[in-house]
C-alpha atoms as a PDB file:
ATOM      1  CA  MET A   1       3.120   7.860   6.615  1.00  0.00           C
ATOM      2  CA  LEU A   2       5.185   5.783   8.995  1.00  0.00           C
ATOM      3  CA  ALA A   3       7.497   7.537  11.415  1.00  0.00           C
ATOM      4  CA  VAL A   4      10.921   5.927  11.195  1.00  0.00           C
ATOM      5  CA  PRO A   5      13.752   7.014  13.493  1.00  0.00           C
ATOM      6  CA  LEU A   6      16.982   8.266  11.975  1.00  0.00           C
ATOM      7  CA  GLY A   7      19.601   5.562  11.932  1.00  0.00           C
ATOM      8  CA  ALA A   8      17.008   2.787  11.692  1.00  0.00           C
ATOM      9  CA  PRO A   9      18.240  -0.493  10.236  1.00  0.00           C
ATOM     10  CA  PRO A  10      17.802  -0.894   6.462  1.00  0.00           C
ATOM     11  CA  CYS A  11      15.066  -3.504   6.903  1.00  0.00           C
ATOM     12  CA  THR A  12      13.009  -0.983   8.906  1.00  0.00           C
ATOM     13  CA  LEU A  13      13.459   1.653   6.223  1.00  0.00           C
ATOM     14  CA  ARG A  14      12.529  -0.870   3.517  1.00  0.00           C
ATOM     15  CA  HIS A  15       9.404  -1.875   5.447  1.00  0.00           C
ATOM     16  CA  ALA A  16       8.420   1.788   5.830  1.00  0.00           C
ATOM     17  CA  CYS A  17       8.882   2.408   2.117  1.00  0.00           C
ATOM     18  CA  VAL A  18       6.860  -0.629   1.044  1.00  0.00           C
ATOM     19  CA  SER A  19       4.118   0.045   3.603  1.00  0.00           C
ATOM     20  CA  THR A  20       3.845   3.698   2.571  1.00  0.00           C
ATOM     21  CA  ARG A  21       3.474   2.713  -1.077  1.00  0.00           C
ATOM     22  CA  LEU A  22       0.781   0.133  -0.273  1.00  0.00           C
ATOM     23  CA  ASN A  23      -1.074   2.552   1.998  1.00  0.00           C
ATOM     24  CA  GLY A  24      -0.826   5.157  -0.752  1.00  0.00           C
ATOM     25  CA  GLY A  25      -2.884   2.898  -2.974  1.00  0.00           C
ATOM     26  CA  LEU A  26      -0.203   1.726  -5.391  1.00  0.00           C
ATOM     27  CA  PRO A  27      -1.005  -1.652  -6.920  1.00  0.00           C
ATOM     28  CA  SER A  28       0.596  -4.578  -5.087  1.00  0.00           C
ATOM     29  CA  PRO A  29       2.244  -5.961  -8.258  1.00  0.00           C
ATOM     30  CA  GLN A  30       4.038  -2.648  -8.835  1.00  0.00           C
ATOM     31  CA  VAL A  31       5.183  -2.360  -5.210  1.00  0.00           C
ATOM     32  CA  ALA A  32       6.370  -5.972  -5.287  1.00  0.00           C
ATOM     33  CA  GLU A  33       8.366  -5.378  -8.456  1.00  0.00           C
ATOM     34  CA  TRP A  34      10.051  -2.275  -7.041  1.00  0.00           C
ATOM     35  CA  ALA A  35      10.855  -4.116  -3.806  1.00  0.00           C
ATOM     36  CA  GLY A  36      12.160  -7.211  -5.585  1.00  0.00           C
ATOM     37  CA  HIS A  37       9.460  -9.456  -4.100  1.00  0.00           C
ATOM     38  CA  SER A  38       6.835 -11.699  -5.585  1.00  0.00           C
ATOM     39  CA  VAL A  39       3.312 -10.426  -4.984  1.00  0.00           C
ATOM     40  CA  LYS A  40       2.656 -13.467  -2.791  1.00  0.00           C
ATOM     41  CA  ALA A  41       5.681 -12.754  -0.578  1.00  0.00           C
ATOM     42  CA  LEU A  42       4.813  -9.068  -0.403  1.00  0.00           C
ATOM     43  CA  LEU A  43       1.233  -9.672   0.676  1.00  0.00           C
ATOM     44  CA  GLU A  44       2.159 -12.374   3.185  1.00  0.00           C
ATOM     45  CA  ALA A  45       4.595 -10.010   4.882  1.00  0.00           C
ATOM     46  CA  ARG A  46       2.548  -6.816   4.611  1.00  0.00           C
ATOM     47  CA  THR A  47      -1.129  -7.733   4.968  1.00  0.00           C
ATOM     48  CA  LYS A  48      -1.480  -5.729   8.174  1.00  0.00           C
ATOM     49  CA  CYS A  49       0.061  -2.628   6.575  1.00  0.00           C
ATOM     50  CA  GLU A  50      -2.717  -1.717   4.203  1.00  0.00           C
ATOM     51  CA  ASP A  51      -4.675   0.768   6.317  1.00  0.00           C
ATOM     52  CA  GLY A  52      -7.709   2.219   4.626  1.00  0.00           C
ATOM     53  CA  GLN A  53      -7.534   0.033   1.531  1.00  0.00           C
ATOM     54  CA  ASP A  54     -11.212  -0.905   1.793  1.00  0.00           C
ATOM     55  CA  ALA A  55     -12.286   2.732   1.577  1.00  0.00           C
ATOM     56  CA  ILE A  56      -9.892   3.389  -1.310  1.00  0.00           C
ATOM     57  CA  ALA A  57     -11.174   0.369  -3.234  1.00  0.00           C
ATOM     58  CA  ARG A  58     -14.808   1.360  -2.701  1.00  0.00           C
ATOM     59  CA  ARG A  59     -14.090   4.915  -3.897  1.00  0.00           C
ATOM     60  CA  ARG A  60     -12.383   3.606  -7.035  1.00  0.00           C
ATOM     61  CA  VAL A  61     -15.318   1.319  -7.860  1.00  0.00           C
ATOM     62  CA  GLU A  62     -17.811   4.126  -7.264  1.00  0.00           C
ATOM     63  CA  GLN A  63     -15.757   6.455  -9.440  1.00  0.00           C
ATOM     64  CA  ALA A  64     -15.534   3.869 -12.234  1.00  0.00           C
ATOM     65  CA  LEU A  65     -19.300   3.397 -12.084  1.00  0.00           C
ATOM     66  CA  GLY A  66     -19.931   7.142 -12.033  1.00  0.00           C
ATOM     67  CA  TYR A  67     -21.435   7.194  -8.538  1.00  0.00           C
ATOM     68  CA  LEU A  68     -19.162   9.840  -7.009  1.00  0.00           C
ATOM     69  CA  GLY A  69     -20.759  13.220  -6.638  1.00  0.00           C
ATOM     70  CA  ARG A  70     -24.330  11.908  -6.732  1.00  0.00           C
ATOM     71  CA  ALA A  71     -26.752  12.486  -3.884  1.00  0.00           C
END
């Protein structure tokens, strides 16, 4: 979660909210809709915000294929 100082400008708070949702693994189209952006605009502005998305994606694929929990 991003640390945002109290009294931060609205754009900072908006960025923190969008970044937290993306880092939480919510789908980009949903985050874009909630933020009032197109997916293209969202991803162009936030591509560096998605920490850990590779690991999340790999886990989801492994889970879908039934690989999680196997030795």
